[in-house]
Amino acid sequence: NGFNWNYGNNFPLRGAKSTLWEGGVRAAG
């Protein structure tokens, strides 16, 4: 949503890069 000028997506996980919510640290791998 524009954080760091970017528009990636973690949905439905919560949060974003730089956070310790699942959306910040649970990775595609």
mmCIF file of all heavy atoms, coordinates in Angstrom:
data_MODEL
# 
_entry.id   MODEL 
# 
loop_
_atom_site.group_PDB 
_atom_site.id 
_atom_site.type_symbol 
_atom_site.label_atom_id 
_atom_site.label_alt_id 
_atom_site.label_comp_id 
_atom_site.label_asym_id 
_atom_site.label_entity_id 
_atom_site.label_seq_id 
_atom_site.pdbx_PDB_ins_code 
_atom_site.Cartn_x 
_atom_site.Cartn_y 
_atom_site.Cartn_z 
_atom_site.occupancy 
_atom_site.B_iso_or_equiv 
_atom_site.pdbx_formal_charge 
_atom_site.auth_seq_id 
_atom_site.auth_comp_id 
_atom_site.auth_asym_id 
_atom_site.auth_atom_id 
_atom_site.pdbx_PDB_model_num 
ATOM 1   N N   . ASN A 1 1  ? 0.800  -1.237  0.000  1.00 0.00 ? 1  ASN A N   1 
ATOM 2   C CA  . ASN A 1 1  ? 0.000  0.000   0.000  1.00 0.00 ? 1  ASN A CA  1 
ATOM 3   C C   . ASN A 1 1  ? 0.828  1.281   0.000  1.00 0.00 ? 1  ASN A C   1 
ATOM 4   O O   . ASN A 1 1  ? 0.498  2.250   0.670  1.00 0.00 ? 1  ASN A O   1 
ATOM 5   C CB  . ASN A 1 1  ? -0.960 0.013   1.195  1.00 0.00 ? 1  ASN A CB  1 
ATOM 6   C CG  . ASN A 1 1  ? -2.134 -0.922  0.998  1.00 0.00 ? 1  ASN A CG  1 
ATOM 7   O OD1 . ASN A 1 1  ? -2.058 -1.873  0.225  1.00 0.00 ? 1  ASN A OD1 1 
ATOM 8   N ND2 . ASN A 1 1  ? -3.237 -0.660  1.686  1.00 0.00 ? 1  ASN A ND2 1 
ATOM 9   N N   . GLY A 1 2  ? 1.926  1.277   -0.750 1.00 0.00 ? 2  GLY A N   1 
ATOM 10  C CA  . GLY A 1 2  ? 2.746  2.476   -0.865 1.00 0.00 ? 2  GLY A CA  1 
ATOM 11  C C   . GLY A 1 2  ? 3.833  2.595   0.180  1.00 0.00 ? 2  GLY A C   1 
ATOM 12  O O   . GLY A 1 2  ? 4.658  3.527   0.119  1.00 0.00 ? 2  GLY A O   1 
ATOM 13  N N   . PHE A 1 3  ? 3.875  1.693   1.160  1.00 0.00 ? 3  PHE A N   1 
ATOM 14  C CA  . PHE A 1 3  ? 4.966  1.703   2.128  1.00 0.00 ? 3  PHE A CA  1 
ATOM 15  C C   . PHE A 1 3  ? 6.275  1.476   1.374  1.00 0.00 ? 3  PHE A C   1 
ATOM 16  O O   . PHE A 1 3  ? 6.406  0.554   0.586  1.00 0.00 ? 3  PHE A O   1 
ATOM 17  C CB  . PHE A 1 3  ? 4.728  0.600   3.164  1.00 0.00 ? 3  PHE A CB  1 
ATOM 18  C CG  . PHE A 1 3  ? 5.866  0.368   4.127  1.00 0.00 ? 3  PHE A CG  1 
ATOM 19  C CD1 . PHE A 1 3  ? 6.611  1.413   4.640  1.00 0.00 ? 3  PHE A CD1 1 
ATOM 20  C CD2 . PHE A 1 3  ? 6.188  -0.917  4.536  1.00 0.00 ? 3  PHE A CD2 1 
ATOM 21  C CE1 . PHE A 1 3  ? 7.650  1.196   5.525  1.00 0.00 ? 3  PHE A CE1 1 
ATOM 22  C CE2 . PHE A 1 3  ? 7.222  -1.162  5.424  1.00 0.00 ? 3  PHE A CE2 1 
ATOM 23  C CZ  . PHE A 1 3  ? 7.955  -0.094  5.920  1.00 0.00 ? 3  PHE A CZ  1 
ATOM 24  N N   . ASN A 1 4  ? 7.240  2.349   1.615  1.00 0.00 ? 4  ASN A N   1 
ATOM 25  C CA  . ASN A 1 4  ? 8.525  2.278   0.916  1.00 0.00 ? 4  ASN A CA  1 
ATOM 26  C C   . ASN A 1 4  ? 8.332  2.372   -0.594 1.00 0.00 ? 4  ASN A C   1 
ATOM 27  O O   . ASN A 1 4  ? 9.093  1.799   -1.368 1.00 0.00 ? 4  ASN A O   1 
ATOM 28  C CB  . ASN A 1 4  ? 9.254  0.974   1.285  1.00 0.00 ? 4  ASN A CB  1 
ATOM 29  C CG  . ASN A 1 4  ? 10.756 1.084   1.111  1.00 0.00 ? 4  ASN A CG  1 
ATOM 30  O OD1 . ASN A 1 4  ? 11.323 2.154   1.247  1.00 0.00 ? 4  ASN A OD1 1 
ATOM 31  N ND2 . ASN A 1 4  ? 11.396 -0.028  0.798  1.00 0.00 ? 4  ASN A ND2 1 
ATOM 32  N N   . TRP A 1 5  ? 7.276  3.094   -1.017 1.00 0.00 ? 5  TRP A N   1 
ATOM 33  C CA  . TRP A 1 5  ? 6.935  3.348   -2.426 1.00 0.00 ? 5  TRP A CA  1 
ATOM 34  C C   . TRP A 1 5  ? 6.547  2.082   -3.178 1.00 0.00 ? 5  TRP A C   1 
ATOM 35  O O   . TRP A 1 5  ? 6.567  2.049   -4.409 1.00 0.00 ? 5  TRP A O   1 
ATOM 36  C CB  . TRP A 1 5  ? 8.095  4.028   -3.170 1.00 0.00 ? 5  TRP A CB  1 
ATOM 37  C CG  . TRP A 1 5  ? 8.620  5.268   -2.529 1.00 0.00 ? 5  TRP A CG  1 
ATOM 38  C CD1 . TRP A 1 5  ? 7.931  6.186   -1.810 1.00 0.00 ? 5  TRP A CD1 1 
ATOM 39  C CD2 . TRP A 1 5  ? 9.971  5.731   -2.551 1.00 0.00 ? 5  TRP A CD2 1 
ATOM 40  N NE1 . TRP A 1 5  ? 8.758  7.191   -1.375 1.00 0.00 ? 5  TRP A NE1 1 
ATOM 41  C CE2 . TRP A 1 5  ? 10.015 6.940   -1.818 1.00 0.00 ? 5  TRP A CE2 1 
ATOM 42  C CE3 . TRP A 1 5  ? 11.140 5.248   -3.119 1.00 0.00 ? 5  TRP A CE3 1 
ATOM 43  C CZ2 . TRP A 1 5  ? 11.193 7.666   -1.645 1.00 0.00 ? 5  TRP A CZ2 1 
ATOM 44  C CZ3 . TRP A 1 5  ? 12.309 5.974   -2.939 1.00 0.00 ? 5  TRP A CZ3 1 
ATOM 45  C CH2 . TRP A 1 5  ? 12.329 7.170   -2.213 1.00 0.00 ? 5  TRP A CH2 1 
ATOM 46  N N   . ASN A 1 6  ? 6.198  1.022   -2.447 1.00 0.00 ? 6  ASN A N   1 
ATOM 47  C CA  . ASN A 1 6  ? 5.978  -0.251  -3.123 1.00 0.00 ? 6  ASN A CA  1 
ATOM 48  C C   . ASN A 1 6  ? 4.547  -0.740  -2.964 1.00 0.00 ? 6  ASN A C   1 
ATOM 49  O O   . ASN A 1 6  ? 3.797  -0.248  -2.119 1.00 0.00 ? 6  ASN A O   1 
ATOM 50  C CB  . ASN A 1 6  ? 6.960  -1.306  -2.612 1.00 0.00 ? 6  ASN A CB  1 
ATOM 51  C CG  . ASN A 1 6  ? 7.438  -2.227  -3.710 1.00 0.00 ? 6  ASN A CG  1 
ATOM 52  O OD1 . ASN A 1 6  ? 6.703  -2.538  -4.635 1.00 0.00 ? 6  ASN A OD1 1 
ATOM 53  N ND2 . ASN A 1 6  ? 8.680  -2.670  -3.608 1.00 0.00 ? 6  ASN A ND2 1 
ATOM 54  N N   . TYR A 1 7  ? 4.194  -1.760  -3.775 1.00 0.00 ? 7  TYR A N   1 
ATOM 55  C CA  . TYR A 1 7  ? 2.835  -2.300  -3.779 1.00 0.00 ? 7  TYR A CA  1 
ATOM 56  C C   . TYR A 1 7  ? 2.838  -3.823  -3.866 1.00 0.00 ? 7  TYR A C   1 
ATOM 57  O O   . TYR A 1 7  ? 2.128  -4.417  -4.651 1.00 0.00 ? 7  TYR A O   1 
ATOM 58  C CB  . TYR A 1 7  ? 2.011  -1.674  -4.912 1.00 0.00 ? 7  TYR A CB  1 
ATOM 59  C CG  . TYR A 1 7  ? 1.488  -0.317  -4.527 1.00 0.00 ? 7  TYR A CG  1 
ATOM 60  C CD1 . TYR A 1 7  ? 2.272  0.826   -4.714 1.00 0.00 ? 7  TYR A CD1 1 
ATOM 61  C CD2 . TYR A 1 7  ? 0.253  -0.168  -3.906 1.00 0.00 ? 7  TYR A CD2 1 
ATOM 62  C CE1 . TYR A 1 7  ? 1.827  2.074   -4.323 1.00 0.00 ? 7  TYR A CE1 1 
ATOM 63  C CE2 . TYR A 1 7  ? -0.202 1.080   -3.506 1.00 0.00 ? 7  TYR A CE2 1 
ATOM 64  C CZ  . TYR A 1 7  ? 0.576  2.197   -3.712 1.00 0.00 ? 7  TYR A CZ  1 
ATOM 65  O OH  . TYR A 1 7  ? 0.135  3.431   -3.307 1.00 0.00 ? 7  TYR A OH  1 
ATOM 66  N N   . GLY A 1 8  ? 3.668  -4.446  -3.017 1.00 0.00 ? 8  GLY A N   1 
ATOM 67  C CA  . GLY A 1 8  ? 3.596  -5.885  -2.883 1.00 0.00 ? 8  GLY A CA  1 
ATOM 68  C C   . GLY A 1 8  ? 2.384  -6.258  -2.043 1.00 0.00 ? 8  GLY A C   1 
ATOM 69  O O   . GLY A 1 8  ? 1.623  -5.401  -1.579 1.00 0.00 ? 8  GLY A O   1 
ATOM 70  N N   . ASN A 1 9  ? 2.205  -7.570  -1.798 1.00 0.00 ? 9  ASN A N   1 
ATOM 71  C CA  . ASN A 1 9  ? 1.015  -7.992  -1.081 1.00 0.00 ? 9  ASN A CA  1 
ATOM 72  C C   . ASN A 1 9  ? 1.266  -9.264  -0.273 1.00 0.00 ? 9  ASN A C   1 
ATOM 73  O O   . ASN A 1 9  ? 1.884  -10.206 -0.775 1.00 0.00 ? 9  ASN A O   1 
ATOM 74  C CB  . ASN A 1 9  ? -0.138 -8.222  -2.061 1.00 0.00 ? 9  ASN A CB  1 
ATOM 75  C CG  . ASN A 1 9  ? -1.461 -8.309  -1.339 1.00 0.00 ? 9  ASN A CG  1 
ATOM 76  O OD1 . ASN A 1 9  ? -2.004 -9.385  -1.170 1.00 0.00 ? 9  ASN A OD1 1 
ATOM 77  N ND2 . ASN A 1 9  ? -1.972 -7.180  -0.885 1.00 0.00 ? 9  ASN A ND2 1 
ATOM 78  N N   . ASN A 1 10 ? 0.781  -9.258  0.972  1.00 0.00 ? 10 ASN A N   1 
ATOM 79  C CA  . ASN A 1 10 ? 0.923  -10.406 1.863  1.00 0.00 ? 10 ASN A CA  1 
ATOM 80  C C   . ASN A 1 10 ? -0.419 -11.033 2.230  1.00 0.00 ? 10 ASN A C   1 
ATOM 81  O O   . ASN A 1 10 ? -0.462 -11.976 3.020  1.00 0.00 ? 10 ASN A O   1 
ATOM 82  C CB  . ASN A 1 10 ? 1.611  -9.980  3.167  1.00 0.00 ? 10 ASN A CB  1 
ATOM 83  C CG  . ASN A 1 10 ? 2.952  -9.337  2.929  1.00 0.00 ? 10 ASN A CG  1 
ATOM 84  O OD1 . ASN A 1 10 ? 3.797  -9.884  2.234  1.00 0.00 ? 10 ASN A OD1 1 
ATOM 85  N ND2 . ASN A 1 10 ? 3.158  -8.149  3.493  1.00 0.00 ? 10 ASN A ND2 1 
ATOM 86  N N   . PHE A 1 11 ? -1.500 -10.533 1.686  1.00 0.00 ? 11 PHE A N   1 
ATOM 87  C CA  . PHE A 1 11 ? -2.837 -10.957 2.090  1.00 0.00 ? 11 PHE A CA  1 
ATOM 88  C C   . PHE A 1 11 ? -3.023 -12.463 1.901  1.00 0.00 ? 11 PHE A C   1 
ATOM 89  O O   . PHE A 1 11 ? -2.539 -13.022 0.907  1.00 0.00 ? 11 PHE A O   1 
ATOM 90  C CB  . PHE A 1 11 ? -3.868 -10.195 1.244  1.00 0.00 ? 11 PHE A CB  1 
ATOM 91  C CG  . PHE A 1 11 ? -5.268 -10.270 1.765  1.00 0.00 ? 11 PHE A CG  1 
ATOM 92  C CD1 . PHE A 1 11 ? -5.649 -9.498  2.843  1.00 0.00 ? 11 PHE A CD1 1 
ATOM 93  C CD2 . PHE A 1 11 ? -6.190 -11.124 1.185  1.00 0.00 ? 11 PHE A CD2 1 
ATOM 94  C CE1 . PHE A 1 11 ? -6.938 -9.565  3.330  1.00 0.00 ? 11 PHE A CE1 1 
ATOM 95  C CE2 . PHE A 1 11 ? -7.477 -11.198 1.672  1.00 0.00 ? 11 PHE A CE2 1 
ATOM 96  C CZ  . PHE A 1 11 ? -7.853 -10.415 2.745  1.00 0.00 ? 11 PHE A CZ  1 
ATOM 97  N N   . PRO A 1 12 ? -3.683 -13.158 2.827  1.00 0.00 ? 12 PRO A N   1 
ATOM 98  C CA  . PRO A 1 12 ? -4.430 -12.632 3.973  1.00 0.00 ? 12 PRO A CA  1 
ATOM 99  C C   . PRO A 1 12 ? -3.613 -12.490 5.259  1.00 0.00 ? 12 PRO A C   1 
ATOM 100 O O   . PRO A 1 12 ? -4.171 -12.236 6.319  1.00 0.00 ? 12 PRO A O   1 
ATOM 101 C CB  . PRO A 1 12 ? -5.516 -13.689 4.157  1.00 0.00 ? 12 PRO A CB  1 
ATOM 102 C CG  . PRO A 1 12 ? -4.822 -14.966 3.817  1.00 0.00 ? 12 PRO A CG  1 
ATOM 103 C CD  . PRO A 1 12 ? -3.906 -14.621 2.674  1.00 0.00 ? 12 PRO A CD  1 
ATOM 104 N N   . LEU A 1 13 ? -2.294 -12.687 5.171  1.00 0.00 ? 13 LEU A N   1 
ATOM 105 C CA  . LEU A 1 13 ? -1.475 -12.523 6.361  1.00 0.00 ? 13 LEU A CA  1 
ATOM 106 C C   . LEU A 1 13 ? -1.496 -11.075 6.834  1.00 0.00 ? 13 LEU A C   1 
ATOM 107 O O   . LEU A 1 13 ? -1.663 -10.148 6.039  1.00 0.00 ? 13 LEU A O   1 
ATOM 108 C CB  . LEU A 1 13 ? -0.041 -12.971 6.084  1.00 0.00 ? 13 LEU A CB  1 
ATOM 109 C CG  . LEU A 1 13 ? 0.161  -14.443 5.691  1.00 0.00 ? 13 LEU A CG  1 
ATOM 110 C CD1 . LEU A 1 13 ? 1.635  -14.734 5.492  1.00 0.00 ? 13 LEU A CD1 1 
ATOM 111 C CD2 . LEU A 1 13 ? -0.439 -15.378 6.729  1.00 0.00 ? 13 LEU A CD2 1 
ATOM 112 N N   . ARG A 1 14 ? -1.273 -10.904 8.099  1.00 0.00 ? 14 ARG A N   1 
ATOM 113 C CA  . ARG A 1 14 ? -1.331 -9.583  8.714  1.00 0.00 ? 14 ARG A CA  1 
ATOM 114 C C   . ARG A 1 14 ? 0.009  -8.871  8.600  1.00 0.00 ? 14 ARG A C   1 
ATOM 115 O O   . ARG A 1 14 ? 1.067  -9.486  8.692  1.00 0.00 ? 14 ARG A O   1 
ATOM 116 C CB  . ARG A 1 14 ? -1.714 -9.735  10.191 1.00 0.00 ? 14 ARG A CB  1 
ATOM 117 C CG  . ARG A 1 14 ? -1.973 -8.432  10.923 1.00 0.00 ? 14 ARG A CG  1 
ATOM 118 C CD  . ARG A 1 14 ? -2.460 -8.707  12.337 1.00 0.00 ? 14 ARG A CD  1 
ATOM 119 N NE  . ARG A 1 14 ? -2.833 -7.465  13.013 1.00 0.00 ? 14 ARG A NE  1 
ATOM 120 C CZ  . ARG A 1 14 ? -3.328 -7.399  14.254 1.00 0.00 ? 14 ARG A CZ  1 
ATOM 121 N NH1 . ARG A 1 14 ? -3.500 -8.516  14.947 1.00 0.00 ? 14 ARG A NH1 1 
ATOM 122 N NH2 . ARG A 1 14 ? -3.645 -6.232  14.795 1.00 0.00 ? 14 ARG A NH2 1 
ATOM 123 N N   . GLY A 1 15 ? -0.034 -7.553  8.395  1.00 0.00 ? 15 GLY A N   1 
ATOM 124 C CA  . GLY A 1 15 ? 1.167  -6.748  8.478  1.00 0.00 ? 15 GLY A CA  1 
ATOM 125 C C   . GLY A 1 15 ? 1.942  -6.615  7.184  1.00 0.00 ? 15 GLY A C   1 
ATOM 126 O O   . GLY A 1 15 ? 1.470  -6.968  6.105  1.00 0.00 ? 15 GLY A O   1 
ATOM 127 N N   . ALA A 1 16 ? 3.153  -6.096  7.302  1.00 0.00 ? 16 ALA A N   1 
ATOM 128 C CA  . ALA A 1 16 ? 3.980  -5.744  6.150  1.00 0.00 ? 16 ALA A CA  1 
ATOM 129 C C   . ALA A 1 16 ? 5.447  -5.900  6.498  1.00 0.00 ? 16 ALA A C   1 
ATOM 130 O O   . ALA A 1 16 ? 5.810  -6.219  7.637  1.00 0.00 ? 16 ALA A O   1 
ATOM 131 C CB  . ALA A 1 16 ? 3.692  -4.296  5.745  1.00 0.00 ? 16 ALA A CB  1 
ATOM 132 N N   . LYS A 1 17 ? 6.263  -5.677  5.507  1.00 0.00 ? 17 LYS A N   1 
ATOM 133 C CA  . LYS A 1 17 ? 7.714  -5.600  5.717  1.00 0.00 ? 17 LYS A CA  1 
ATOM 134 C C   . LYS A 1 17 ? 8.020  -4.726  6.928  1.00 0.00 ? 17 LYS A C   1 
ATOM 135 O O   . LYS A 1 17 ? 7.308  -3.759  7.207  1.00 0.00 ? 17 LYS A O   1 
ATOM 136 C CB  . LYS A 1 17 ? 8.360  -5.012  4.465  1.00 0.00 ? 17 LYS A CB  1 
ATOM 137 C CG  . LYS A 1 17 ? 9.839  -4.683  4.614  1.00 0.00 ? 17 LYS A CG  1 
ATOM 138 C CD  . LYS A 1 17 ? 10.384 -3.996  3.379  1.00 0.00 ? 17 LYS A CD  1 
ATOM 139 C CE  . LYS A 1 17 ? 11.844 -3.609  3.579  1.00 0.00 ? 17 LYS A CE  1 
ATOM 140 N NZ  . LYS A 1 17 ? 12.451 -3.033  2.371  1.00 0.00 ? 17 LYS A NZ  1 
ATOM 141 N N   . SER A 1 18 ? 9.064  -5.038  7.631  1.00 0.00 ? 18 SER A N   1 
ATOM 142 C CA  . SER A 1 18 ? 9.549  -4.328  8.817  1.00 0.00 ? 18 SER A CA  1 
ATOM 143 C C   . SER A 1 18 ? 8.787  -4.671  10.081 1.00 0.00 ? 18 SER A C   1 
ATOM 144 O O   . SER A 1 18 ? 9.210  -4.310  11.175 1.00 0.00 ? 18 SER A O   1 
ATOM 145 C CB  . SER A 1 18 ? 9.543  -2.799  8.629  1.00 0.00 ? 18 SER A CB  1 
ATOM 146 O OG  . SER A 1 18 ? 10.378 -2.423  7.566  1.00 0.00 ? 18 SER A OG  1 
ATOM 147 N N   . THR A 1 19 ? 7.643  -5.370  9.966  1.00 0.00 ? 19 THR A N   1 
ATOM 148 C CA  . THR A 1 19 ? 6.904  -5.793  11.148 1.00 0.00 ? 19 THR A CA  1 
ATOM 149 C C   . THR A 1 19 ? 7.193  -7.254  11.451 1.00 0.00 ? 19 THR A C   1 
ATOM 150 O O   . THR A 1 19 ? 7.675  -8.000  10.587 1.00 0.00 ? 19 THR A O   1 
ATOM 151 C CB  . THR A 1 19 ? 5.387  -5.629  10.958 1.00 0.00 ? 19 THR A CB  1 
ATOM 152 O OG1 . THR A 1 19 ? 4.876  -6.682  10.116 1.00 0.00 ? 19 THR A OG1 1 
ATOM 153 C CG2 . THR A 1 19 ? 5.039  -4.277  10.360 1.00 0.00 ? 19 THR A CG2 1 
ATOM 154 N N   . LEU A 1 20 ? 6.838  -7.657  12.660 1.00 0.00 ? 20 LEU A N   1 
ATOM 155 C CA  . LEU A 1 20 ? 6.981  -9.057  13.063 1.00 0.00 ? 20 LEU A CA  1 
ATOM 156 C C   . LEU A 1 20 ? 5.658  -9.812  12.963 1.00 0.00 ? 20 LEU A C   1 
ATOM 157 O O   . LEU A 1 20 ? 5.553  -10.954 13.408 1.00 0.00 ? 20 LEU A O   1 
ATOM 158 C CB  . LEU A 1 20 ? 7.550  -9.142  14.476 1.00 0.00 ? 20 LEU A CB  1 
ATOM 159 C CG  . LEU A 1 20 ? 9.003  -8.661  14.597 1.00 0.00 ? 20 LEU A CG  1 
ATOM 160 C CD1 . LEU A 1 20 ? 9.451  -8.614  16.052 1.00 0.00 ? 20 LEU A CD1 1 
ATOM 161 C CD2 . LEU A 1 20 ? 9.933  -9.547  13.790 1.00 0.00 ? 20 LEU A CD2 1 
ATOM 162 N N   . TRP A 1 21 ? 4.646  -9.181  12.368 1.00 0.00 ? 21 TRP A N   1 
ATOM 163 C CA  . TRP A 1 21 ? 3.438  -9.906  12.005 1.00 0.00 ? 21 TRP A CA  1 
ATOM 164 C C   . TRP A 1 21 ? 3.787  -10.931 10.934 1.00 0.00 ? 21 TRP A C   1 
ATOM 165 O O   . TRP A 1 21 ? 4.821  -10.827 10.272 1.00 0.00 ? 21 TRP A O   1 
ATOM 166 C CB  . TRP A 1 21 ? 2.371  -8.937  11.491 1.00 0.00 ? 21 TRP A CB  1 
ATOM 167 C CG  . TRP A 1 21 ? 1.925  -7.923  12.501 1.00 0.00 ? 21 TRP A CG  1 
ATOM 168 C CD1 . TRP A 1 21 ? 2.207  -6.589  12.507 1.00 0.00 ? 21 TRP A CD1 1 
ATOM 169 C CD2 . TRP A 1 21 ? 1.114  -8.165  13.658 1.00 0.00 ? 21 TRP A CD2 1 
ATOM 170 N NE1 . TRP A 1 21 ? 1.639  -5.987  13.597 1.00 0.00 ? 21 TRP A NE1 1 
ATOM 171 C CE2 . TRP A 1 21 ? 0.960  -6.933  14.322 1.00 0.00 ? 21 TRP A CE2 1 
ATOM 172 C CE3 . TRP A 1 21 ? 0.521  -9.307  14.193 1.00 0.00 ? 21 TRP A CE3 1 
ATOM 173 C CZ2 . TRP A 1 21 ? 0.219  -6.813  15.500 1.00 0.00 ? 21 TRP A CZ2 1 
ATOM 174 C CZ3 . TRP A 1 21 ? -0.215 -9.182  15.370 1.00 0.00 ? 21 TRP A CZ3 1 
ATOM 175 C CH2 . TRP A 1 21 ? -0.363 -7.945  16.006 1.00 0.00 ? 21 TRP A CH2 1 
ATOM 176 N N   . GLU A 1 22 ? 2.900  -11.910 10.746 1.00 0.00 ? 22 GLU A N   1 
ATOM 177 C CA  . GLU A 1 22 ? 3.176  -12.977 9.782  1.00 0.00 ? 22 GLU A CA  1 
ATOM 178 C C   . GLU A 1 22 ? 3.485  -12.420 8.396  1.00 0.00 ? 22 GLU A C   1 
ATOM 179 O O   . GLU A 1 22 ? 4.326  -12.954 7.672  1.00 0.00 ? 22 GLU A O   1 
ATOM 180 C CB  . GLU A 1 22 ? 2.000  -13.952 9.715  1.00 0.00 ? 22 GLU A CB  1 
ATOM 181 C CG  . GLU A 1 22 ? 1.778  -14.761 10.981 1.00 0.00 ? 22 GLU A CG  1 
ATOM 182 C CD  . GLU A 1 22 ? 2.888  -15.759 11.266 1.00 0.00 ? 22 GLU A CD  1 
ATOM 183 O OE1 . GLU A 1 22 ? 2.910  -16.835 10.634 1.00 0.00 ? 22 GLU A OE1 1 
ATOM 184 O OE2 . GLU A 1 22 ? 3.729  -15.452 12.137 1.00 0.00 ? 22 GLU A OE2 1 
ATOM 185 N N   . GLY A 1 23 ? 2.815  -11.347 8.000  1.00 0.00 ? 23 GLY A N   1 
ATOM 186 C CA  . GLY A 1 23 ? 3.072  -10.754 6.691  1.00 0.00 ? 23 GLY A CA  1 
ATOM 187 C C   . GLY A 1 23 ? 4.460  -10.187 6.536  1.00 0.00 ? 23 GLY A C   1 
ATOM 188 O O   . GLY A 1 23 ? 4.932  -9.985  5.412  1.00 0.00 ? 23 GLY A O   1 
ATOM 189 N N   . GLY A 1 24 ? 5.139  -9.914  7.644  1.00 0.00 ? 24 GLY A N   1 
ATOM 190 C CA  . GLY A 1 24 ? 6.492  -9.381  7.576  1.00 0.00 ? 24 GLY A CA  1 
ATOM 191 C C   . GLY A 1 24 ? 7.572  -10.435 7.600  1.00 0.00 ? 24 GLY A C   1 
ATOM 192 O O   . GLY A 1 24 ? 8.666  -10.213 7.067  1.00 0.00 ? 24 GLY A O   1 
ATOM 193 N N   . VAL A 1 25 ? 7.270  -11.597 8.220  1.00 0.00 ? 25 VAL A N   1 
ATOM 194 C CA  . VAL A 1 25 ? 8.338  -12.576 8.460  1.00 0.00 ? 25 VAL A CA  1 
ATOM 195 C C   . VAL A 1 25 ? 8.047  -13.994 7.962  1.00 0.00 ? 25 VAL A C   1 
ATOM 196 O O   . VAL A 1 25 ? 8.950  -14.835 7.951  1.00 0.00 ? 25 VAL A O   1 
ATOM 197 C CB  . VAL A 1 25 ? 8.692  -12.643 9.967  1.00 0.00 ? 25 VAL A CB  1 
ATOM 198 C CG1 . VAL A 1 25 ? 9.318  -11.345 10.436 1.00 0.00 ? 25 VAL A CG1 1 
ATOM 199 C CG2 . VAL A 1 25 ? 7.467  -12.999 10.816 1.00 0.00 ? 25 VAL A CG2 1 
ATOM 200 N N   . ARG A 1 26 ? 6.834  -14.275 7.563  1.00 0.00 ? 26 ARG A N   1 
ATOM 201 C CA  . ARG A 1 26 ? 6.531  -15.606 7.017  1.00 0.00 ? 26 ARG A CA  1 
ATOM 202 C C   . ARG A 1 26 ? 6.713  -15.531 5.509  1.00 0.00 ? 26 ARG A C   1 
ATOM 203 O O   . ARG A 1 26 ? 5.976  -14.840 4.818  1.00 0.00 ? 26 ARG A O   1 
ATOM 204 C CB  . ARG A 1 26 ? 5.112  -16.020 7.378  1.00 0.00 ? 26 ARG A CB  1 
ATOM 205 C CG  . ARG A 1 26 ? 4.795  -17.484 7.110  1.00 0.00 ? 26 ARG A CG  1 
ATOM 206 C CD  . ARG A 1 26 ? 3.484  -17.850 7.777  1.00 0.00 ? 26 ARG A CD  1 
ATOM 207 N NE  . ARG A 1 26 ? 3.039  -19.190 7.467  1.00 0.00 ? 26 ARG A NE  1 
ATOM 208 C CZ  . ARG A 1 26 ? 1.932  -19.742 7.971  1.00 0.00 ? 26 ARG A CZ  1 
ATOM 209 N NH1 . ARG A 1 26 ? 1.186  -19.044 8.818  1.00 0.00 ? 26 ARG A NH1 1 
ATOM 210 N NH2 . ARG A 1 26 ? 1.579  -20.963 7.638  1.00 0.00 ? 26 ARG A NH2 1 
ATOM 211 N N   . ALA A 1 27 ? 7.705  -16.228 5.005  1.00 0.00 ? 27 ALA A N   1 
ATOM 212 C CA  . ALA A 1 27 ? 8.180  -15.971 3.648  1.00 0.00 ? 27 ALA A CA  1 
ATOM 213 C C   . ALA A 1 27 ? 7.668  -16.984 2.642  1.00 0.00 ? 27 ALA A C   1 
ATOM 214 O O   . ALA A 1 27 ? 7.382  -18.143 2.968  1.00 0.00 ? 27 ALA A O   1 
ATOM 215 C CB  . ALA A 1 27 ? 9.708  -15.984 3.623  1.00 0.00 ? 27 ALA A CB  1 
ATOM 216 N N   . ALA A 1 28 ? 7.575  -16.536 1.407  1.00 0.00 ? 28 ALA A N   1 
ATOM 217 C CA  . ALA A 1 28 ? 7.382  -17.444 0.280  1.00 0.00 ? 28 ALA A CA  1 
ATOM 218 C C   . ALA A 1 28 ? 8.698  -18.171 0.044  1.00 0.00 ? 28 ALA A C   1 
ATOM 219 O O   . ALA A 1 28 ? 9.730  -17.533 -0.199 1.00 0.00 ? 28 ALA A O   1 
ATOM 220 C CB  . ALA A 1 28 ? 6.976  -16.656 -0.964 1.00 0.00 ? 28 ALA A CB  1 
ATOM 221 N N   . GLY A 1 29 ? 8.669  -19.497 0.125  1.00 0.00 ? 29 GLY A N   1 
ATOM 222 C CA  . GLY A 1 29 ? 9.903  -20.253 -0.036 1.00 0.00 ? 29 GLY A CA  1 
ATOM 223 C C   . GLY A 1 29 ? 9.645  -21.688 -0.436 1.00 0.00 ? 29 GLY A C   1 
ATOM 224 O O   . GLY A 1 29 ? 8.578  -22.245 -0.173 1.00 0.00 ? 29 GLY A O   1 
# 
